[in-house]
N, C-alpha and C. Protein backbone atom coordinates (compact mmCIF):
# COMPACT_ATOMS: atom_id res chain seq x y z
N MET A 1 223.93 110.30 -10.80
CA MET A 1 222.69 110.21 -11.54
C MET A 1 222.88 110.70 -12.98
N ALA A 2 224.09 110.74 -13.45
CA ALA A 2 224.37 111.18 -14.82
C ALA A 2 223.83 110.16 -15.82
N VAL A 3 223.19 110.67 -16.86
CA VAL A 3 222.62 109.80 -17.88
C VAL A 3 223.72 108.98 -18.56
N SER A 4 224.96 109.45 -18.54
CA SER A 4 226.05 108.68 -19.14
C SER A 4 226.30 107.38 -18.38
N GLU A 5 225.79 107.28 -17.18
CA GLU A 5 225.94 106.08 -16.37
C GLU A 5 224.74 105.15 -16.50
N VAL A 6 223.85 105.45 -17.42
CA VAL A 6 222.63 104.66 -17.64
C VAL A 6 222.72 104.01 -19.00
N HIS A 7 222.26 102.76 -19.10
CA HIS A 7 222.23 102.08 -20.38
C HIS A 7 220.93 101.29 -20.50
N VAL A 8 220.58 100.92 -21.73
CA VAL A 8 219.32 100.24 -22.00
C VAL A 8 219.59 98.75 -22.18
N VAL A 9 218.79 97.93 -21.50
CA VAL A 9 218.89 96.48 -21.61
C VAL A 9 217.48 95.89 -21.71
N LYS A 10 217.41 94.67 -22.17
CA LYS A 10 216.12 93.98 -22.26
C LYS A 10 215.61 93.71 -20.84
N ALA A 11 214.34 93.93 -20.63
CA ALA A 11 213.72 93.71 -19.32
C ALA A 11 213.47 92.21 -19.13
N THR A 12 213.45 91.80 -17.87
CA THR A 12 213.16 90.39 -17.54
C THR A 12 211.98 90.33 -16.58
N ALA A 13 211.14 89.34 -16.77
CA ALA A 13 209.93 89.19 -15.95
C ALA A 13 210.26 89.01 -14.47
N GLU A 14 211.41 88.43 -14.17
CA GLU A 14 211.80 88.19 -12.78
C GLU A 14 211.94 89.48 -11.98
N LYS A 15 212.15 90.60 -12.64
CA LYS A 15 212.36 91.88 -11.94
C LYS A 15 211.12 92.77 -12.00
N PHE A 16 209.97 92.18 -12.27
CA PHE A 16 208.74 92.95 -12.42
C PHE A 16 208.46 93.84 -11.20
N GLU A 17 208.62 93.31 -9.99
CA GLU A 17 208.35 94.11 -8.78
C GLU A 17 209.26 95.34 -8.72
N GLU A 18 210.50 95.18 -9.11
CA GLU A 18 211.43 96.32 -9.15
C GLU A 18 210.97 97.32 -10.20
N TYR A 19 210.56 96.84 -11.35
CA TYR A 19 210.14 97.72 -12.44
C TYR A 19 208.91 98.54 -12.06
N LYS A 20 208.03 97.98 -11.25
CA LYS A 20 206.81 98.70 -10.86
C LYS A 20 207.14 100.02 -10.17
N LYS A 21 208.28 100.09 -9.47
CA LYS A 21 208.68 101.30 -8.76
C LYS A 21 208.92 102.46 -9.72
N ILE A 22 209.22 102.15 -10.97
CA ILE A 22 209.49 103.19 -11.96
C ILE A 22 208.30 104.12 -12.14
N PHE A 23 207.11 103.58 -12.01
CA PHE A 23 205.90 104.37 -12.26
C PHE A 23 205.32 105.01 -10.99
N GLU A 24 205.93 104.77 -9.82
CA GLU A 24 205.44 105.38 -8.59
C GLU A 24 205.45 106.91 -8.72
N GLY A 25 204.34 107.53 -8.37
CA GLY A 25 204.24 108.99 -8.42
C GLY A 25 204.06 109.55 -9.82
N SER A 26 203.86 108.68 -10.80
CA SER A 26 203.74 109.17 -12.18
C SER A 26 202.31 109.57 -12.52
N THR A 27 202.20 110.45 -13.48
CA THR A 27 200.89 110.86 -14.00
C THR A 27 200.17 109.65 -14.58
N LEU A 28 200.91 108.78 -15.26
CA LEU A 28 200.28 107.59 -15.86
C LEU A 28 199.68 106.68 -14.80
N LEU A 29 200.40 106.44 -13.71
CA LEU A 29 199.87 105.57 -12.66
C LEU A 29 198.65 106.20 -12.00
N ARG A 30 198.69 107.51 -11.77
CA ARG A 30 197.53 108.19 -11.19
C ARG A 30 196.31 108.06 -12.09
N HIS A 31 196.53 108.15 -13.39
CA HIS A 31 195.40 108.11 -14.32
C HIS A 31 194.93 106.69 -14.61
N TYR A 32 195.86 105.78 -14.85
CA TYR A 32 195.49 104.43 -15.29
C TYR A 32 195.48 103.38 -14.19
N GLY A 33 196.05 103.68 -13.04
CA GLY A 33 196.05 102.74 -11.93
C GLY A 33 196.72 101.41 -12.30
N GLN A 34 196.10 100.33 -11.87
CA GLN A 34 196.66 98.98 -12.05
C GLN A 34 196.83 98.58 -13.51
N ASN A 35 196.16 99.28 -14.42
CA ASN A 35 196.33 98.97 -15.85
C ASN A 35 197.80 99.09 -16.26
N ILE A 36 198.51 100.04 -15.65
CA ILE A 36 199.94 100.22 -15.97
C ILE A 36 200.68 98.91 -15.76
N TYR A 37 200.42 98.23 -14.64
CA TYR A 37 201.12 96.99 -14.34
C TYR A 37 200.73 95.88 -15.31
N GLU A 38 199.48 95.86 -15.71
CA GLU A 38 199.05 94.87 -16.71
C GLU A 38 199.76 95.11 -18.04
N TRP A 39 199.92 96.37 -18.42
CA TRP A 39 200.61 96.69 -19.66
C TRP A 39 202.09 96.34 -19.57
N MET A 40 202.67 96.59 -18.40
CA MET A 40 204.07 96.21 -18.20
C MET A 40 204.24 94.69 -18.36
N GLU A 41 203.34 93.94 -17.76
CA GLU A 41 203.40 92.49 -17.86
C GLU A 41 203.24 92.03 -19.31
N ALA A 42 202.36 92.70 -20.06
CA ALA A 42 202.18 92.35 -21.47
C ALA A 42 203.46 92.61 -22.25
N GLY A 43 204.11 93.73 -21.97
CA GLY A 43 205.38 94.04 -22.63
C GLY A 43 206.45 93.02 -22.30
N LEU A 44 206.50 92.62 -21.03
CA LEU A 44 207.47 91.60 -20.61
C LEU A 44 207.17 90.26 -21.28
N ALA A 45 205.89 89.89 -21.32
CA ALA A 45 205.50 88.61 -21.93
C ALA A 45 205.82 88.56 -23.42
N SER A 46 205.70 89.71 -24.08
CA SER A 46 205.95 89.75 -25.52
C SER A 46 207.44 89.81 -25.85
N GLY A 47 208.26 90.07 -24.84
CA GLY A 47 209.70 90.22 -25.07
C GLY A 47 210.08 91.56 -25.67
N GLU A 48 209.15 92.54 -25.59
CA GLU A 48 209.38 93.85 -26.19
C GLU A 48 209.58 94.95 -25.14
N ALA A 49 209.89 94.56 -23.92
CA ALA A 49 210.10 95.53 -22.85
C ALA A 49 211.59 95.71 -22.61
N TYR A 50 211.97 96.96 -22.37
CA TYR A 50 213.37 97.32 -22.12
C TYR A 50 213.42 98.24 -20.92
N ILE A 51 214.55 98.24 -20.24
CA ILE A 51 214.71 99.14 -19.12
C ILE A 51 215.97 99.97 -19.30
N ALA A 52 215.93 101.14 -18.70
CA ALA A 52 217.14 101.94 -18.51
C ALA A 52 217.65 101.52 -17.15
N GLU A 53 218.92 101.19 -17.10
CA GLU A 53 219.52 100.65 -15.88
C GLU A 53 220.70 101.52 -15.49
N ASP A 54 220.79 101.86 -14.20
CA ASP A 54 221.93 102.67 -13.76
C ASP A 54 223.16 101.79 -13.55
N ARG A 55 224.27 102.39 -13.16
CA ARG A 55 225.53 101.65 -13.03
C ARG A 55 225.48 100.58 -11.95
N ASN A 56 224.51 100.67 -11.04
CA ASN A 56 224.35 99.66 -9.99
C ASN A 56 223.37 98.56 -10.39
N GLY A 57 222.88 98.63 -11.62
CA GLY A 57 221.93 97.62 -12.09
C GLY A 57 220.50 97.86 -11.68
N GLU A 58 220.20 99.05 -11.15
CA GLU A 58 218.83 99.38 -10.75
C GLU A 58 218.05 99.90 -11.96
N ALA A 59 216.82 99.47 -12.07
CA ALA A 59 215.95 99.93 -13.15
C ALA A 59 215.48 101.35 -12.85
N VAL A 60 215.73 102.26 -13.79
CA VAL A 60 215.34 103.66 -13.61
C VAL A 60 214.39 104.13 -14.71
N GLY A 61 214.16 103.31 -15.71
CA GLY A 61 213.23 103.63 -16.79
C GLY A 61 212.69 102.35 -17.40
N PHE A 62 211.48 102.41 -17.92
CA PHE A 62 210.83 101.24 -18.53
C PHE A 62 210.23 101.66 -19.86
N MET A 63 210.35 100.79 -20.86
CA MET A 63 209.79 101.07 -22.18
C MET A 63 209.26 99.77 -22.77
N TRP A 64 208.05 99.85 -23.34
CA TRP A 64 207.49 98.73 -24.11
C TRP A 64 207.32 99.23 -25.52
N MET A 65 208.13 98.69 -26.44
CA MET A 65 208.00 99.08 -27.83
C MET A 65 207.48 97.90 -28.64
N GLN A 66 206.39 98.14 -29.34
CA GLN A 66 205.79 97.13 -30.20
C GLN A 66 206.27 97.39 -31.62
N LEU A 67 207.02 96.47 -32.18
CA LEU A 67 207.56 96.71 -33.52
C LEU A 67 206.51 96.51 -34.61
N GLU A 68 205.51 95.69 -34.35
CA GLU A 68 204.41 95.53 -35.32
C GLU A 68 203.11 95.75 -34.57
N SER A 69 202.74 97.00 -34.43
CA SER A 69 201.62 97.38 -33.58
C SER A 69 200.29 97.37 -34.32
N MET A 70 199.28 97.74 -33.59
CA MET A 70 197.93 97.86 -34.15
C MET A 70 197.83 99.02 -35.13
N TYR A 71 198.82 99.89 -35.12
CA TYR A 71 198.83 101.03 -36.03
C TYR A 71 199.55 100.65 -37.32
N ALA A 72 198.83 99.98 -38.21
CA ALA A 72 199.32 99.59 -39.53
C ALA A 72 200.63 98.81 -39.44
N GLU A 73 200.75 98.02 -38.37
CA GLU A 73 201.94 97.19 -38.15
C GLU A 73 203.23 97.99 -38.14
N GLN A 74 203.14 99.22 -37.67
CA GLN A 74 204.31 100.09 -37.56
C GLN A 74 204.80 100.10 -36.10
N PRO A 75 206.07 100.39 -35.88
CA PRO A 75 206.59 100.46 -34.51
C PRO A 75 205.86 101.51 -33.69
N TYR A 76 205.56 101.13 -32.46
CA TYR A 76 204.78 101.98 -31.57
C TYR A 76 205.37 101.89 -30.17
N LEU A 77 205.63 103.01 -29.57
CA LEU A 77 206.10 103.06 -28.19
C LEU A 77 204.87 103.02 -27.30
N ALA A 78 204.55 101.84 -26.79
CA ALA A 78 203.30 101.61 -26.08
C ALA A 78 203.31 102.11 -24.64
N LEU A 79 204.48 102.14 -24.00
CA LEU A 79 204.56 102.55 -22.61
C LEU A 79 205.96 103.04 -22.31
N LEU A 80 206.04 104.15 -21.60
CA LEU A 80 207.33 104.73 -21.22
C LEU A 80 207.19 105.35 -19.84
N GLY A 81 208.14 105.03 -18.97
CA GLY A 81 208.16 105.63 -17.64
C GLY A 81 209.57 105.77 -17.13
N VAL A 82 209.78 106.79 -16.31
CA VAL A 82 211.09 107.04 -15.71
C VAL A 82 210.89 107.21 -14.21
N ARG A 83 211.74 106.56 -13.43
CA ARG A 83 211.66 106.64 -11.97
C ARG A 83 211.80 108.09 -11.53
N THR A 84 211.07 108.49 -10.49
CA THR A 84 210.99 109.87 -10.03
C THR A 84 212.35 110.54 -9.90
N ASP A 85 213.31 109.88 -9.29
CA ASP A 85 214.61 110.52 -9.05
C ASP A 85 215.48 110.61 -10.30
N TYR A 86 215.03 110.05 -11.41
CA TYR A 86 215.77 110.14 -12.66
C TYR A 86 215.03 110.97 -13.72
N ARG A 87 213.84 111.47 -13.38
CA ARG A 87 213.11 112.30 -14.34
C ARG A 87 213.84 113.61 -14.58
N TYR A 88 213.75 114.11 -15.78
CA TYR A 88 214.37 115.37 -16.21
C TYR A 88 215.89 115.30 -16.24
N HIS A 89 216.43 114.10 -16.43
CA HIS A 89 217.87 113.92 -16.54
C HIS A 89 218.27 113.22 -17.83
N GLY A 90 217.34 113.12 -18.79
CA GLY A 90 217.67 112.55 -20.09
C GLY A 90 217.39 111.07 -20.25
N VAL A 91 216.85 110.41 -19.24
CA VAL A 91 216.59 108.97 -19.32
C VAL A 91 215.46 108.69 -20.31
N GLY A 92 214.39 109.47 -20.25
CA GLY A 92 213.29 109.29 -21.20
C GLY A 92 213.77 109.49 -22.62
N GLN A 93 214.55 110.52 -22.83
CA GLN A 93 215.10 110.78 -24.16
C GLN A 93 215.97 109.62 -24.62
N MET A 94 216.76 109.06 -23.72
CA MET A 94 217.62 107.92 -24.06
C MET A 94 216.78 106.73 -24.51
N LEU A 95 215.69 106.46 -23.80
CA LEU A 95 214.82 105.35 -24.17
C LEU A 95 214.16 105.60 -25.52
N ILE A 96 213.71 106.81 -25.75
CA ILE A 96 213.08 107.14 -27.04
C ILE A 96 214.11 107.01 -28.16
N GLU A 97 215.32 107.46 -27.95
CA GLU A 97 216.37 107.30 -28.96
C GLU A 97 216.63 105.83 -29.25
N TYR A 98 216.58 105.00 -28.22
CA TYR A 98 216.75 103.55 -28.41
C TYR A 98 215.63 103.01 -29.30
N PHE A 99 214.41 103.44 -29.02
CA PHE A 99 213.26 103.06 -29.84
C PHE A 99 213.47 103.48 -31.30
N ILE A 100 213.83 104.73 -31.51
CA ILE A 100 214.06 105.25 -32.86
C ILE A 100 215.16 104.47 -33.56
N ASN A 101 216.28 104.30 -32.89
CA ASN A 101 217.41 103.58 -33.49
C ASN A 101 217.04 102.14 -33.84
N THR A 102 216.22 101.51 -32.99
CA THR A 102 215.81 100.13 -33.23
C THR A 102 214.95 100.04 -34.48
N TYR A 103 213.90 100.86 -34.57
CA TYR A 103 213.03 100.72 -35.73
C TYR A 103 213.71 101.18 -37.01
N GLU A 104 214.58 102.17 -36.92
CA GLU A 104 215.30 102.59 -38.12
C GLU A 104 216.25 101.50 -38.60
N ALA A 105 216.95 100.86 -37.68
CA ALA A 105 217.89 99.79 -38.04
C ALA A 105 217.18 98.61 -38.68
N LEU A 106 215.91 98.42 -38.33
CA LEU A 106 215.13 97.33 -38.91
C LEU A 106 214.45 97.72 -40.23
N GLY A 107 214.63 98.96 -40.65
CA GLY A 107 214.12 99.39 -41.95
C GLY A 107 212.70 99.92 -41.95
N TYR A 108 212.13 100.19 -40.79
CA TYR A 108 210.78 100.75 -40.76
C TYR A 108 210.80 102.21 -41.20
N GLU A 109 209.74 102.63 -41.86
CA GLU A 109 209.64 103.99 -42.40
C GLU A 109 209.26 105.02 -41.34
N ARG A 110 208.55 104.57 -40.30
CA ARG A 110 208.08 105.52 -39.29
C ARG A 110 207.89 104.82 -37.96
N GLY A 111 207.82 105.65 -36.91
CA GLY A 111 207.51 105.17 -35.58
C GLY A 111 206.40 106.03 -34.99
N LEU A 112 205.65 105.45 -34.07
CA LEU A 112 204.48 106.12 -33.50
C LEU A 112 204.52 106.13 -31.98
N ILE A 113 203.97 107.18 -31.41
CA ILE A 113 203.82 107.32 -29.98
C ILE A 113 202.46 107.97 -29.73
N ALA A 114 201.74 107.50 -28.72
CA ALA A 114 200.49 108.14 -28.32
C ALA A 114 200.72 108.82 -26.97
N VAL A 115 200.15 109.99 -26.82
CA VAL A 115 200.30 110.73 -25.56
C VAL A 115 198.98 111.42 -25.25
N ASN A 116 198.64 111.44 -23.97
CA ASN A 116 197.39 112.05 -23.53
C ASN A 116 197.56 113.54 -23.30
N ASP A 117 196.45 114.26 -23.39
CA ASP A 117 196.54 115.71 -23.18
C ASP A 117 196.87 116.05 -21.73
N PHE A 118 196.70 115.11 -20.79
CA PHE A 118 197.07 115.40 -19.41
C PHE A 118 198.58 115.24 -19.16
N ASN A 119 199.34 114.95 -20.21
CA ASN A 119 200.78 114.74 -20.08
C ASN A 119 201.54 115.66 -21.05
N PRO A 120 201.41 116.97 -20.89
CA PRO A 120 202.02 117.90 -21.85
C PRO A 120 203.54 117.86 -21.88
N ARG A 121 204.19 117.54 -20.77
CA ARG A 121 205.66 117.48 -20.78
C ARG A 121 206.14 116.34 -21.66
N ALA A 122 205.46 115.21 -21.58
CA ALA A 122 205.84 114.08 -22.44
C ALA A 122 205.63 114.46 -23.91
N ARG A 123 204.52 115.09 -24.20
CA ARG A 123 204.26 115.49 -25.59
C ARG A 123 205.33 116.45 -26.08
N ALA A 124 205.74 117.39 -25.25
CA ALA A 124 206.79 118.34 -25.64
C ALA A 124 208.10 117.61 -25.94
N LEU A 125 208.43 116.62 -25.13
CA LEU A 125 209.65 115.84 -25.37
C LEU A 125 209.56 115.10 -26.70
N TYR A 126 208.44 114.43 -26.94
CA TYR A 126 208.28 113.67 -28.19
C TYR A 126 208.38 114.60 -29.40
N GLU A 127 207.74 115.75 -29.31
CA GLU A 127 207.79 116.69 -30.43
C GLU A 127 209.20 117.24 -30.62
N ALA A 128 209.92 117.48 -29.54
CA ALA A 128 211.30 117.95 -29.64
C ALA A 128 212.19 116.89 -30.32
N MET A 129 211.77 115.63 -30.24
CA MET A 129 212.54 114.54 -30.83
C MET A 129 212.05 114.20 -32.24
N GLY A 130 211.19 115.04 -32.81
CA GLY A 130 210.80 114.88 -34.20
C GLY A 130 209.47 114.20 -34.45
N PHE A 131 208.70 113.91 -33.41
CA PHE A 131 207.38 113.31 -33.60
C PHE A 131 206.36 114.43 -33.82
N HIS A 132 205.43 114.21 -34.74
CA HIS A 132 204.42 115.21 -35.09
C HIS A 132 203.03 114.59 -35.00
N LYS A 133 202.06 115.39 -34.55
CA LYS A 133 200.68 114.91 -34.41
C LYS A 133 200.12 114.55 -35.78
N ILE A 134 199.54 113.34 -35.86
CA ILE A 134 198.85 112.96 -37.09
C ILE A 134 197.35 112.83 -36.89
N THR A 135 196.92 112.60 -35.63
CA THR A 135 195.49 112.55 -35.33
C THR A 135 195.30 112.63 -33.82
N GLN A 136 194.07 112.83 -33.43
CA GLN A 136 193.70 112.77 -32.02
C GLN A 136 192.35 112.11 -31.91
N TYR A 137 192.11 111.50 -30.75
CA TYR A 137 190.85 110.80 -30.52
C TYR A 137 190.58 110.75 -29.02
N PRO A 138 189.31 110.55 -28.63
CA PRO A 138 188.99 110.47 -27.20
C PRO A 138 189.56 109.18 -26.61
N GLU A 139 190.08 109.30 -25.42
CA GLU A 139 190.63 108.12 -24.74
C GLU A 139 189.51 107.15 -24.38
N ALA A 140 189.75 105.86 -24.53
CA ALA A 140 188.73 104.85 -24.26
C ALA A 140 188.36 104.78 -22.78
N ILE A 141 189.34 104.90 -21.90
CA ILE A 141 189.08 104.78 -20.46
C ILE A 141 188.38 106.01 -19.91
N SER A 142 188.77 107.17 -20.38
CA SER A 142 188.20 108.43 -19.92
C SER A 142 188.00 109.34 -21.13
N PRO A 143 186.84 109.23 -21.80
CA PRO A 143 186.61 109.96 -23.06
C PRO A 143 186.76 111.48 -22.99
N SER A 144 186.78 112.06 -21.78
CA SER A 144 186.97 113.51 -21.69
C SER A 144 188.43 113.88 -21.96
N ASN A 145 189.32 112.89 -21.97
CA ASN A 145 190.73 113.12 -22.29
C ASN A 145 190.98 112.81 -23.76
N ASN A 146 191.87 113.56 -24.35
CA ASN A 146 192.26 113.30 -25.74
C ASN A 146 193.59 112.55 -25.77
N VAL A 147 193.70 111.69 -26.77
CA VAL A 147 194.96 111.01 -27.06
C VAL A 147 195.46 111.58 -28.37
N TYR A 148 196.73 111.92 -28.40
CA TYR A 148 197.35 112.42 -29.63
C TYR A 148 198.28 111.35 -30.15
N LEU A 149 198.07 110.94 -31.38
CA LEU A 149 198.95 109.97 -32.01
C LEU A 149 200.00 110.76 -32.78
N LEU A 150 201.25 110.54 -32.41
CA LEU A 150 202.37 111.26 -33.01
C LEU A 150 203.18 110.30 -33.86
N MET A 151 203.71 110.81 -34.96
CA MET A 151 204.51 109.99 -35.87
C MET A 151 205.84 110.68 -36.14
N ARG A 152 206.86 109.87 -36.33
CA ARG A 152 208.17 110.37 -36.73
C ARG A 152 208.66 109.51 -37.88
N LYS A 153 208.97 110.15 -38.99
CA LYS A 153 209.53 109.42 -40.12
C LYS A 153 211.00 109.12 -39.85
N THR A 154 211.48 108.03 -40.39
CA THR A 154 212.89 107.69 -40.21
C THR A 154 213.75 108.72 -40.92
N ARG A 155 215.00 108.78 -40.53
CA ARG A 155 215.92 109.73 -41.15
C ARG A 155 216.01 109.51 -42.66
N LYS A 156 215.96 108.26 -43.07
CA LYS A 156 216.02 107.91 -44.48
C LYS A 156 214.86 108.53 -45.28
N PHE A 157 213.67 108.58 -44.65
CA PHE A 157 212.47 109.07 -45.33
C PHE A 157 212.10 110.48 -44.90
N ASN A 158 212.91 111.13 -44.10
CA ASN A 158 212.57 112.40 -43.47
C ASN A 158 212.91 113.62 -44.31
N SER A 159 213.41 113.46 -45.50
CA SER A 159 213.87 114.61 -46.29
C SER A 159 212.76 115.56 -46.71
N ASN A 160 211.52 115.11 -46.75
CA ASN A 160 210.40 115.96 -47.18
C ASN A 160 209.65 116.59 -46.01
N VAL A 161 210.06 116.34 -44.78
CA VAL A 161 209.31 116.85 -43.64
C VAL A 161 210.02 118.05 -43.04
């Protein structure tokens, strides 16, 4: 289960049922229910979904990154999940690094991630990777929850932060 045996590849719609297992037991699935699967399908349909795959070709992580998102057409990590048996082993960090490397290589100045207040471990990971809160707002599905929009400037533009 070493992260060195995991790599990131483009996701394919044909493996959607396998990818759904990634979110089993997750905080996101408990909170959002079937919406998670709709978002996964949207990421697959857009061609912006990627998976972390182990050496046996099994999907252990899922990521949907929108390179021109609703947030001022800036890259946005719309969905991230890691299979239960691979959590806390660096797979999430690997996917986030892939996201960062992708948007930086394309010349974007910043990347964005949104995280809910019910997911403090994810927020701690994002902040450890250089993302900083720029705003918060009530969640549309459950307004008693807050969403924190985090931003990370690219290394090229990061000298003032």
